[in-house]
Amino acid sequence: MSESRTSATGIPAGIRADIPHPARIYDYWLGGKDNFAADRETAEHALSLVPEMIDYARGNRQFMVRATQFLCDLGVTQFLDLGAGLPTSPNLHEIAQWSDPASRVVYVDNDPVVFLHAEALMVQGRGTSVVRADLRDVDDVLAQAAERLDFSQPVALMFVASLHHLEDIDDPAGVVARYAEKMAPGSYLVLSHCTDEFAYEKMHEGSADFRRRGGIFIPRGKEAIAAMIGGRELVEPGLTLVSYWRPEGGEPGPNADRVFAYGGIAAL
């Protein structure tokens, strides 16, 4: 990392290490090392309130892996990952490019740490790019992503564990719709979202604690999550708990019911 992009503390310039960020908290839960003390403290406190969050993080990552492979098997070779988080292995670009080395992946995130990691992947010469932007800025994201993706051809829109970091006033369903309407026929929407249906009180206690620490995390019910898909045709098994979405070997893992998130894939 160049000196011009690093502060006197050794932390890359522009990064608020004192404020927890969802991408880095998620990285910590997945066993990564790209996080700071504020992220680790928030992550551990969240687990004290909702121990299932570690199962959620791991189960959701496994859903992303299976969903990406499913689309690769259908011949999809372009992916726009919105609110991507840190590229903890195996991540989307690895799965896509193992299936087809010509696959192109664009990560979108507003965290400088994510941006730096995705930039490093670009330096390695892979078909991977990064847009440092807020996923709510649809026109800006699509304009930048169009430098690497061909939007006249099918694209997989990946909203994996990102929309629960938007407020209701941000209209998550409307954000999804604005992206979806720009996609070519044959495109797909992949969506997963944390739910409050199985532990309402402690999930919202965790949400309130996260807000006090400067973050946004809003678990929602299945009906609200389904509204984000907007009535589009879902592939089997529909919108379901992510651990039950086409599990490896046909059977979900032993902690499947502790993964409090719904997910599914819809044709656009």
C-alpha atoms as a PDB file:
ATOM      1  CA  MET A   1       0.000   0.000   0.000  1.00  0.00           C
ATOM      2  CA  SER A   2       1.476   3.351  -1.014  1.00  0.00           C
ATOM      3  CA  GLU A   3       2.430   5.905   1.616  1.00  0.00           C
ATOM      4  CA  SER A   4       0.166   8.562   0.116  1.00  0.00           C
ATOM      5  CA  ARG A   5      -2.840   6.412   0.849  1.00  0.00           C
ATOM      6  CA  THR A   6      -1.901   5.576   4.419  1.00  0.00           C
ATOM      7  CA  SER A   7      -2.221   7.735   7.513  1.00  0.00           C
ATOM      8  CA  ALA A   8       0.395   8.126  10.250  1.00  0.00           C
ATOM      9  CA  THR A   9      -1.421   5.401  12.213  1.00  0.00           C
ATOM     10  CA  GLY A  10      -0.909   2.870   9.423  1.00  0.00           C
ATOM     11  CA  ILE A  11      -4.632   2.930   8.617  1.00  0.00           C
ATOM     12  CA  PRO A  12      -5.476   3.726   4.980  1.00  0.00           C
ATOM     13  CA  ALA A  13      -6.486   7.350   4.487  1.00  0.00           C
ATOM     14  CA  GLY A  14     -10.208   8.053   4.616  1.00  0.00           C
ATOM     15  CA  ILE A  15     -11.087   5.082   6.822  1.00  0.00           C
ATOM     16  CA  ARG A  16     -12.925   5.749  10.096  1.00  0.00           C
ATOM     17  CA  ALA A  17     -11.539   2.926  12.202  1.00  0.00           C
ATOM     18  CA  ASP A  18     -13.426   4.248  15.244  1.00  0.00           C
ATOM     19  CA  ILE A  19     -16.852   3.649  13.662  1.00  0.00           C
ATOM     20  CA  PRO A  20     -17.940   0.042  13.021  1.00  0.00           C
ATOM     21  CA  HIS A  21     -18.765  -0.835   9.433  1.00  0.00           C
ATOM     22  CA  PRO A  22     -21.065  -3.735   8.387  1.00  0.00           C
ATOM     23  CA  ALA A  23     -18.531  -5.114   5.882  1.00  0.00           C
ATOM     24  CA  ARG A  24     -15.825  -5.348   8.532  1.00  0.00           C
ATOM     25  CA  ILE A  25     -18.166  -6.765  11.195  1.00  0.00           C
ATOM     26  CA  TYR A  26     -19.240  -9.431   8.715  1.00  0.00           C
ATOM     27  CA  ASP A  27     -15.575 -10.114   7.949  1.00  0.00           C
ATOM     28  CA  TYR A  28     -14.911 -10.646  11.670  1.00  0.00           C
ATOM     29  CA  TRP A  29     -17.804 -13.100  12.002  1.00  0.00           C
ATOM     30  CA  LEU A  30     -16.446 -15.022   9.011  1.00  0.00           C
ATOM     31  CA  GLY A  31     -13.015 -15.280  10.638  1.00  0.00           C
ATOM     32  CA  GLY A  32     -11.351 -12.574   8.552  1.00  0.00           C
ATOM     33  CA  LYS A  33      -8.687 -10.135   9.709  1.00  0.00           C
ATOM     34  CA  ASP A  34      -9.708  -6.969   7.863  1.00  0.00           C
ATOM     35  CA  ASN A  35     -11.419  -5.284  10.786  1.00  0.00           C
ATOM     36  CA  PHE A  36     -10.671  -2.842  13.581  1.00  0.00           C
ATOM     37  CA  ALA A  37     -11.291  -2.754  17.328  1.00  0.00           C
ATOM     38  CA  ALA A  38     -14.596  -0.912  16.921  1.00  0.00           C
ATOM     39  CA  ASP A  39     -15.797  -3.579  14.493  1.00  0.00           C
ATOM     40  CA  ARG A  40     -14.745  -6.426  16.769  1.00  0.00           C
ATOM     41  CA  GLU A  41     -16.334  -4.836  19.828  1.00  0.00           C
ATOM     42  CA  THR A  42     -19.612  -4.284  17.996  1.00  0.00           C
ATOM     43  CA  ALA A  43     -19.526  -7.784  16.535  1.00  0.00           C
ATOM     44  CA  GLU A  44     -18.948  -9.414  19.916  1.00  0.00           C
ATOM     45  CA  HIS A  45     -21.623  -7.303  21.598  1.00  0.00           C
ATOM     46  CA  ALA A  46     -24.074  -8.238  18.843  1.00  0.00           C
ATOM     47  CA  LEU A  47     -23.323 -11.905  19.505  1.00  0.00           C
ATOM     48  CA  SER A  48     -24.012 -11.384  23.205  1.00  0.00           C
ATOM     49  CA  LEU A  49     -27.472 -10.138  22.228  1.00  0.00           C
ATOM     50  CA  VAL A  50     -28.104 -12.453  19.268  1.00  0.00           C
ATOM     51  CA  PRO A  51     -25.747 -15.470  19.313  1.00  0.00           C
ATOM     52  CA  GLU A  52     -27.300 -16.691  16.056  1.00  0.00           C
ATOM     53  CA  MET A  53     -25.680 -13.849  14.118  1.00  0.00           C
ATOM     54  CA  ILE A  54     -22.541 -15.904  13.583  1.00  0.00           C
ATOM     55  CA  ASP A  55     -24.667 -18.692  12.085  1.00  0.00           C
ATOM     56  CA  TYR A  56     -26.413 -16.064   9.983  1.00  0.00           C
ATOM     57  CA  ALA A  57     -23.133 -14.693   8.625  1.00  0.00           C
ATOM     58  CA  ARG A  58     -21.774 -18.100   7.710  1.00  0.00           C
ATOM     59  CA  GLY A  59     -25.067 -19.439   6.384  1.00  0.00           C
ATOM     60  CA  ASN A  60     -25.574 -16.350   4.270  1.00  0.00           C
ATOM     61  CA  ARG A  61     -22.083 -16.659   2.779  1.00  0.00           C
ATOM     62  CA  GLN A  62     -22.827 -20.274   1.888  1.00  0.00           C
ATOM     63  CA  PHE A  63     -26.054 -19.135   0.206  1.00  0.00           C
ATOM     64  CA  MET A  64     -24.066 -16.657  -1.879  1.00  0.00           C
ATOM     65  CA  VAL A  65     -21.716 -19.448  -2.960  1.00  0.00           C
ATOM     66  CA  ARG A  66     -24.576 -21.751  -3.986  1.00  0.00           C
ATOM     67  CA  ALA A  67     -26.528 -18.975  -5.704  1.00  0.00           C
ATOM     68  CA  THR A  68     -23.493 -17.867  -7.692  1.00  0.00           C
ATOM     69  CA  GLN A  69     -22.716 -21.420  -8.788  1.00  0.00           C
ATOM     70  CA  PHE A  70     -26.362 -21.920  -9.776  1.00  0.00           C
ATOM     71  CA  LEU A  71     -26.202 -18.878 -12.055  1.00  0.00           C
ATOM     72  CA  CYS A  72     -22.848 -19.935 -13.471  1.00  0.00           C
ATOM     73  CA  ASP A  73     -24.391 -23.276 -14.371  1.00  0.00           C
ATOM     74  CA  LEU A  74     -27.083 -21.342 -16.273  1.00  0.00           C
ATOM     75  CA  GLY A  75     -24.377 -19.587 -18.259  1.00  0.00           C
ATOM     76  CA  VAL A  76     -24.389 -16.199 -16.506  1.00  0.00           C
ATOM     77  CA  THR A  77     -20.953 -14.569 -16.800  1.00  0.00           C
ATOM     78  CA  GLN A  78     -21.606 -11.012 -15.542  1.00  0.00           C
ATOM     79  CA  PHE A  79     -22.202 -10.124 -11.903  1.00  0.00           C
ATOM     80  CA  LEU A  80     -22.923  -6.809 -10.183  1.00  0.00           C
ATOM     81  CA  ASP A  81     -22.455  -7.276  -6.436  1.00  0.00           C
ATOM     82  CA  LEU A  82     -24.175  -4.425  -4.593  1.00  0.00           C
ATOM     83  CA  GLY A  83     -22.982  -3.820  -1.044  1.00  0.00           C
ATOM     84  CA  ALA A  84     -20.365  -6.463  -1.651  1.00  0.00           C
ATOM     85  CA  GLY A  85     -18.414  -6.431   1.595  1.00  0.00           C
ATOM     86  CA  LEU A  86     -14.888  -7.758   1.928  1.00  0.00           C
ATOM     87  CA  PRO A  87     -13.806 -10.531  -0.467  1.00  0.00           C
ATOM     88  CA  THR A  88     -13.474 -13.288   2.120  1.00  0.00           C
ATOM     89  CA  SER A  89     -12.701 -16.517   0.253  1.00  0.00           C
ATOM     90  CA  PRO A  90     -14.507 -18.108  -1.455  1.00  0.00           C
ATOM     91  CA  ASN A  91     -16.130 -15.008  -2.845  1.00  0.00           C
ATOM     92  CA  LEU A  92     -18.182 -14.280  -5.908  1.00  0.00           C
ATOM     93  CA  HIS A  93     -15.341 -13.554  -8.315  1.00  0.00           C
ATOM     94  CA  GLU A  94     -13.586 -16.794  -7.402  1.00  0.00           C
ATOM     95  CA  ILE A  95     -16.670 -18.933  -7.971  1.00  0.00           C
ATOM     96  CA  ALA A  96     -17.595 -17.179 -11.210  1.00  0.00           C
ATOM     97  CA  GLN A  97     -14.086 -17.326 -12.641  1.00  0.00           C
ATOM     98  CA  TRP A  98     -13.550 -20.943 -11.626  1.00  0.00           C
ATOM     99  CA  SER A  99     -16.624 -21.719 -13.728  1.00  0.00           C
ATOM    100  CA  ASP A 100     -15.655 -19.423 -16.606  1.00  0.00           C
ATOM    101  CA  PRO A 101     -12.371 -17.480 -16.542  1.00  0.00           C
ATOM    102  CA  ALA A 102     -13.974 -14.875 -18.812  1.00  0.00           C
ATOM    103  CA  SER A 103     -16.580 -13.972 -16.203  1.00  0.00           C
ATOM    104  CA  ARG A 104     -16.686 -10.342 -15.135  1.00  0.00           C
ATOM    105  CA  VAL A 105     -17.512  -9.217 -11.618  1.00  0.00           C
ATOM    106  CA  VAL A 106     -18.045  -5.666 -10.383  1.00  0.00           C
ATOM    107  CA  TYR A 107     -18.124  -5.116  -6.638  1.00  0.00           C
ATOM    108  CA  VAL A 108     -19.938  -2.069  -5.245  1.00  0.00           C
ATOM    109  CA  ASP A 109     -19.326  -0.827  -1.705  1.00  0.00           C
ATOM    110  CA  ASN A 110     -18.761   2.464   0.077  1.00  0.00           C
ATOM    111  CA  ASP A 111     -16.142   1.210   2.557  1.00  0.00           C
ATOM    112  CA  PRO A 112     -12.543   2.201   1.658  1.00  0.00           C
ATOM    113  CA  VAL A 113     -11.232  -1.120   3.019  1.00  0.00           C
ATOM    114  CA  VAL A 114     -13.452  -3.023   0.585  1.00  0.00           C
ATOM    115  CA  PHE A 115     -12.318  -0.716  -2.220  1.00  0.00           C
ATOM    116  CA  LEU A 116      -8.634  -1.355  -1.494  1.00  0.00           C
ATOM    117  CA  HIS A 117      -9.097  -5.119  -1.464  1.00  0.00           C
ATOM    118  CA  ALA A 118     -11.079  -5.112  -4.677  1.00  0.00           C
ATOM    119  CA  GLU A 119      -8.436  -2.885  -6.283  1.00  0.00           C
ATOM    120  CA  ALA A 120      -5.824  -5.490  -5.364  1.00  0.00           C
ATOM    121  CA  LEU A 121      -7.840  -8.109  -7.226  1.00  0.00           C
ATOM    122  CA  MET A 122      -7.849  -5.867 -10.289  1.00  0.00           C
ATOM    123  CA  VAL A 123      -4.056  -5.539 -10.138  1.00  0.00           C
ATOM    124  CA  GLN A 124      -3.834  -9.322 -10.318  1.00  0.00           C
ATOM    125  CA  GLY A 125      -5.323  -9.101 -13.811  1.00  0.00           C
ATOM    126  CA  ARG A 126      -8.624 -10.814 -13.120  1.00  0.00           C
ATOM    127  CA  GLY A 127     -11.933  -9.761 -14.638  1.00  0.00           C
ATOM    128  CA  THR A 128     -12.804  -8.051 -11.384  1.00  0.00           C
ATOM    129  CA  SER A 129     -13.543  -4.390 -10.842  1.00  0.00           C
ATOM    130  CA  VAL A 130     -14.829  -2.160  -8.072  1.00  0.00           C
ATOM    131  CA  VAL A 131     -17.143   0.798  -7.797  1.00  0.00           C
ATOM    132  CA  ARG A 132     -16.737   2.820  -4.635  1.00  0.00           C
ATOM    133  CA  ALA A 133     -20.242   4.202  -4.220  1.00  0.00           C
ATOM    134  CA  ASP A 134     -23.432   4.011  -2.222  1.00  0.00           C
ATOM    135  CA  LEU A 135     -25.711   1.388  -3.764  1.00  0.00           C
ATOM    136  CA  ARG A 136     -28.603   3.862  -3.462  1.00  0.00           C
ATOM    137  CA  ASP A 137     -26.915   6.024  -6.119  1.00  0.00           C
ATOM    138  CA  VAL A 138     -28.246   3.810  -8.895  1.00  0.00           C
ATOM    139  CA  ASP A 139     -27.355   5.987 -11.887  1.00  0.00           C
ATOM    140  CA  ASP A 140     -23.806   6.577 -10.655  1.00  0.00           C
ATOM    141  CA  VAL A 141     -23.239   2.888  -9.912  1.00  0.00           C
ATOM    142  CA  LEU A 142     -24.538   1.761 -13.293  1.00  0.00           C
ATOM    143  CA  ALA A 143     -22.531   4.390 -15.159  1.00  0.00           C
ATOM    144  CA  GLN A 144     -19.306   3.245 -13.495  1.00  0.00           C
ATOM    145  CA  ALA A 145     -20.146  -0.458 -13.783  1.00  0.00           C
ATOM    146  CA  ALA A 146     -20.845  -0.038 -17.503  1.00  0.00           C
ATOM    147  CA  GLU A 147     -17.100   0.417 -18.014  1.00  0.00           C
ATOM    148  CA  ARG A 148     -16.681  -3.310 -17.248  1.00  0.00           C
ATOM    149  CA  LEU A 149     -20.108  -4.891 -17.780  1.00  0.00           C
ATOM    150  CA  ASP A 150     -22.166  -5.084 -20.969  1.00  0.00           C
ATOM    151  CA  PHE A 151     -25.688  -4.217 -19.874  1.00  0.00           C
ATOM    152  CA  SER A 152     -27.093  -5.272 -23.243  1.00  0.00           C
ATOM    153  CA  GLN A 153     -26.356  -8.836 -22.078  1.00  0.00           C
ATOM    154  CA  PRO A 154     -27.637 -10.711 -18.984  1.00  0.00           C
ATOM    155  CA  VAL A 155     -26.275  -9.620 -15.611  1.00  0.00           C
ATOM    156  CA  ALA A 156     -26.789 -11.099 -12.155  1.00  0.00           C
ATOM    157  CA  LEU A 157     -27.793  -8.409  -9.663  1.00  0.00           C
ATOM    158  CA  MET A 158     -26.513  -9.524  -6.267  1.00  0.00           C
ATOM    159  CA  PHE A 159     -28.139  -7.952  -3.202  1.00  0.00           C
ATOM    160  CA  VAL A 160     -26.689 -10.390  -0.676  1.00  0.00           C
ATOM    161  CA  ALA A 161     -27.035  -9.227   2.937  1.00  0.00           C
ATOM    162  CA  SER A 162     -27.001  -5.571   1.899  1.00  0.00           C
ATOM    163  CA  LEU A 163     -30.578  -4.242   1.882  1.00  0.00           C
ATOM    164  CA  HIS A 164     -31.041  -4.621   5.639  1.00  0.00           C
ATOM    165  CA  HIS A 165     -28.512  -1.794   5.937  1.00  0.00           C
ATOM    166  CA  LEU A 166     -31.003   0.591   4.290  1.00  0.00           C
ATOM    167  CA  GLU A 167     -33.654   2.525   6.189  1.00  0.00           C
ATOM    168  CA  ASP A 168     -37.318   2.179   5.220  1.00  0.00           C
ATOM    169  CA  ILE A 169     -37.183   5.780   4.009  1.00  0.00           C
ATOM    170  CA  ASP A 170     -34.511   4.687   1.496  1.00  0.00           C
ATOM    171  CA  ASP A 171     -37.163   2.446  -0.129  1.00  0.00           C
ATOM    172  CA  PRO A 172     -35.127  -0.759  -0.577  1.00  0.00           C
ATOM    173  CA  ALA A 173     -37.758  -2.230  -2.904  1.00  0.00           C
ATOM    174  CA  GLY A 174     -37.562   0.882  -5.064  1.00  0.00           C
ATOM    175  CA  VAL A 175     -33.769   0.677  -5.179  1.00  0.00           C
ATOM    176  CA  VAL A 176     -33.958  -2.920  -6.411  1.00  0.00           C
ATOM    177  CA  ALA A 177     -36.582  -1.967  -8.993  1.00  0.00           C
ATOM    178  CA  ARG A 178     -34.426   0.846 -10.390  1.00  0.00           C
ATOM    179  CA  TYR A 179     -31.549  -1.551 -10.988  1.00  0.00           C
ATOM    180  CA  ALA A 180     -33.785  -4.326 -12.316  1.00  0.00           C
ATOM    181  CA  GLU A 181     -35.437  -2.146 -14.946  1.00  0.00           C
ATOM    182  CA  LYS A 182     -32.025  -1.465 -16.513  1.00  0.00           C
ATOM    183  CA  MET A 183     -31.145  -5.135 -16.948  1.00  0.00           C
ATOM    184  CA  ALA A 184     -31.331  -7.101 -20.200  1.00  0.00           C
ATOM    185  CA  PRO A 185     -33.652 -10.094 -20.644  1.00  0.00           C
ATOM    186  CA  GLY A 186     -32.100 -13.216 -19.179  1.00  0.00           C
ATOM    187  CA  SER A 187     -30.773 -11.363 -16.137  1.00  0.00           C
ATOM    188  CA  TYR A 188     -31.342 -12.518 -12.572  1.00  0.00           C
ATOM    189  CA  LEU A 189     -31.839 -10.992  -9.149  1.00  0.00           C
ATOM    190  CA  VAL A 190     -30.217 -12.643  -6.127  1.00  0.00           C
ATOM    191  CA  LEU A 191     -31.416 -11.327  -2.785  1.00  0.00           C
ATOM    192  CA  SER A 192     -30.929 -12.245   0.852  1.00  0.00           C
ATOM    193  CA  HIS A 193     -32.043 -10.246   3.869  1.00  0.00           C
ATOM    194  CA  CYS A 194     -31.943 -10.743   7.629  1.00  0.00           C
ATOM    195  CA  THR A 195     -35.343 -11.425   9.196  1.00  0.00           C
ATOM    196  CA  ASP A 196     -36.856 -10.662  12.593  1.00  0.00           C
ATOM    197  CA  GLU A 197     -39.530 -13.367  12.393  1.00  0.00           C
ATOM    198  CA  PHE A 198     -37.831 -15.923  14.624  1.00  0.00           C
ATOM    199  CA  ALA A 199     -36.446 -13.738  17.409  1.00  0.00           C
ATOM    200  CA  TYR A 200     -38.212 -10.399  17.113  1.00  0.00           C
ATOM    201  CA  GLU A 201     -37.265  -8.791  20.420  1.00  0.00           C
ATOM    202  CA  LYS A 202     -33.583  -9.661  20.473  1.00  0.00           C
ATOM    203  CA  MET A 203     -33.130  -8.900  16.772  1.00  0.00           C
ATOM    204  CA  HIS A 204     -34.502  -5.416  17.289  1.00  0.00           C
ATOM    205  CA  GLU A 205     -32.479  -5.008  20.478  1.00  0.00           C
ATOM    206  CA  GLY A 206     -29.428  -5.776  18.357  1.00  0.00           C
ATOM    207  CA  SER A 207     -30.634  -3.333  15.707  1.00  0.00           C
ATOM    208  CA  ALA A 208     -31.030  -0.568  18.284  1.00  0.00           C
ATOM    209  CA  ASP A 209     -27.550  -1.256  19.690  1.00  0.00           C
ATOM    210  CA  PHE A 210     -26.038  -1.083  16.208  1.00  0.00           C
ATOM    211  CA  ARG A 211     -27.752   2.254  15.612  1.00  0.00           C
ATOM    212  CA  ARG A 212     -26.340   3.649  18.855  1.00  0.00           C
ATOM    213  CA  ARG A 213     -22.879   2.727  17.559  1.00  0.00           C
ATOM    214  CA  GLY A 214     -23.425   4.602  14.314  1.00  0.00           C
ATOM    215  CA  GLY A 215     -24.652   1.827  12.029  1.00  0.00           C
ATOM    216  CA  ILE A 216     -27.883   0.737  10.370  1.00  0.00           C
ATOM    217  CA  PHE A 217     -29.181  -2.805  10.579  1.00  0.00           C
ATOM    218  CA  ILE A 218     -32.900  -3.414  10.065  1.00  0.00           C
ATOM    219  CA  PRO A 219     -34.187  -6.999  10.131  1.00  0.00           C
ATOM    220  CA  ARG A 220     -37.545  -7.346   8.385  1.00  0.00           C
ATOM    221  CA  GLY A 221     -40.370  -9.824   7.973  1.00  0.00           C
ATOM    222  CA  LYS A 222     -40.819 -12.119   4.983  1.00  0.00           C
ATOM    223  CA  GLU A 223     -43.556  -9.987   3.457  1.00  0.00           C
ATOM    224  CA  ALA A 224     -41.349  -6.888   3.408  1.00  0.00           C
ATOM    225  CA  ILE A 225     -38.462  -8.896   1.964  1.00  0.00           C
ATOM    226  CA  ALA A 226     -40.710 -10.390  -0.719  1.00  0.00           C
ATOM    227  CA  ALA A 227     -41.762  -6.861  -1.688  1.00  0.00           C
ATOM    228  CA  MET A 228     -38.153  -6.179  -2.663  1.00  0.00           C
ATOM    229  CA  ILE A 229     -38.406  -8.953  -5.259  1.00  0.00           C
ATOM    230  CA  GLY A 230     -41.429  -7.146  -6.641  1.00  0.00           C
ATOM    231  CA  GLY A 231     -43.561 -10.066  -7.767  1.00  0.00           C
ATOM    232  CA  ARG A 232     -40.911 -11.399 -10.127  1.00  0.00           C
ATOM    233  CA  GLU A 233     -40.853 -15.118 -10.866  1.00  0.00           C
ATOM    234  CA  LEU A 234     -38.689 -16.969  -8.363  1.00  0.00           C
ATOM    235  CA  VAL A 235     -36.756 -20.115  -9.176  1.00  0.00           C
ATOM    236  CA  GLU A 236     -37.446 -23.092  -6.925  1.00  0.00           C
ATOM    237  CA  PRO A 237     -37.645 -23.266  -3.937  1.00  0.00           C
ATOM    238  CA  GLY A 238     -38.760 -19.625  -3.929  1.00  0.00           C
ATOM    239  CA  LEU A 239     -38.107 -17.230  -1.064  1.00  0.00           C
ATOM    240  CA  THR A 240     -36.977 -19.355   1.847  1.00  0.00           C
ATOM    241  CA  LEU A 241     -34.546 -19.384   4.735  1.00  0.00           C
ATOM    242  CA  VAL A 242     -31.177 -19.233   3.030  1.00  0.00           C
ATOM    243  CA  SER A 243     -29.922 -22.481   4.558  1.00  0.00           C
ATOM    244  CA  TYR A 244     -32.853 -24.261   2.902  1.00  0.00           C
ATOM    245  CA  TRP A 245     -32.201 -22.771  -0.536  1.00  0.00           C
ATOM    246  CA  ARG A 246     -30.794 -25.684  -2.549  1.00  0.00           C
ATOM    247  CA  PRO A 247     -28.498 -26.868   0.265  1.00  0.00           C
ATOM    248  CA  GLU A 248     -25.351 -28.784  -0.616  1.00  0.00           C
ATOM    249  CA  GLY A 249     -26.174 -32.486  -0.785  1.00  0.00           C
ATOM    250  CA  GLY A 250     -29.893 -31.745  -0.451  1.00  0.00           C
ATOM    251  CA  GLU A 251     -29.844 -31.394   3.335  1.00  0.00           C
ATOM    252  CA  PRO A 252     -29.293 -28.167   5.324  1.00  0.00           C
ATOM    253  CA  GLY A 253     -26.633 -28.097   8.017  1.00  0.00           C
ATOM    254  CA  PRO A 254     -27.294 -28.678  11.729  1.00  0.00           C
ATOM    255  CA  ASN A 255     -27.612 -24.937  12.470  1.00  0.00           C
ATOM    256  CA  ALA A 256     -29.905 -24.190   9.533  1.00  0.00           C
ATOM    257  CA  ASP A 257     -32.715 -22.849  11.715  1.00  0.00           C
ATOM    258  CA  ARG A 258     -30.335 -20.388  13.397  1.00  0.00           C
ATOM    259  CA  VAL A 259     -29.635 -18.603  10.118  1.00  0.00           C
ATOM    260  CA  PHE A 260     -32.200 -15.816  10.373  1.00  0.00           C
ATOM    261  CA  ALA A 261     -32.299 -14.692   6.743  1.00  0.00           C
ATOM    262  CA  TYR A 262     -34.561 -15.193   3.750  1.00  0.00           C
ATOM    263  CA  GLY A 263     -33.166 -15.508   0.267  1.00  0.00           C
ATOM    264  CA  GLY A 264     -34.044 -16.386  -3.283  1.00  0.00           C
ATOM    265  CA  ILE A 265     -33.326 -15.874  -6.978  1.00  0.00           C
ATOM    266  CA  ALA A 266     -35.742 -14.258  -9.416  1.00  0.00           C
ATOM    267  CA  ALA A 267     -35.661 -14.017 -13.194  1.00  0.00           C
ATOM    268  CA  LEU A 268     -35.731 -10.467 -14.542  1.00  0.00           C
END
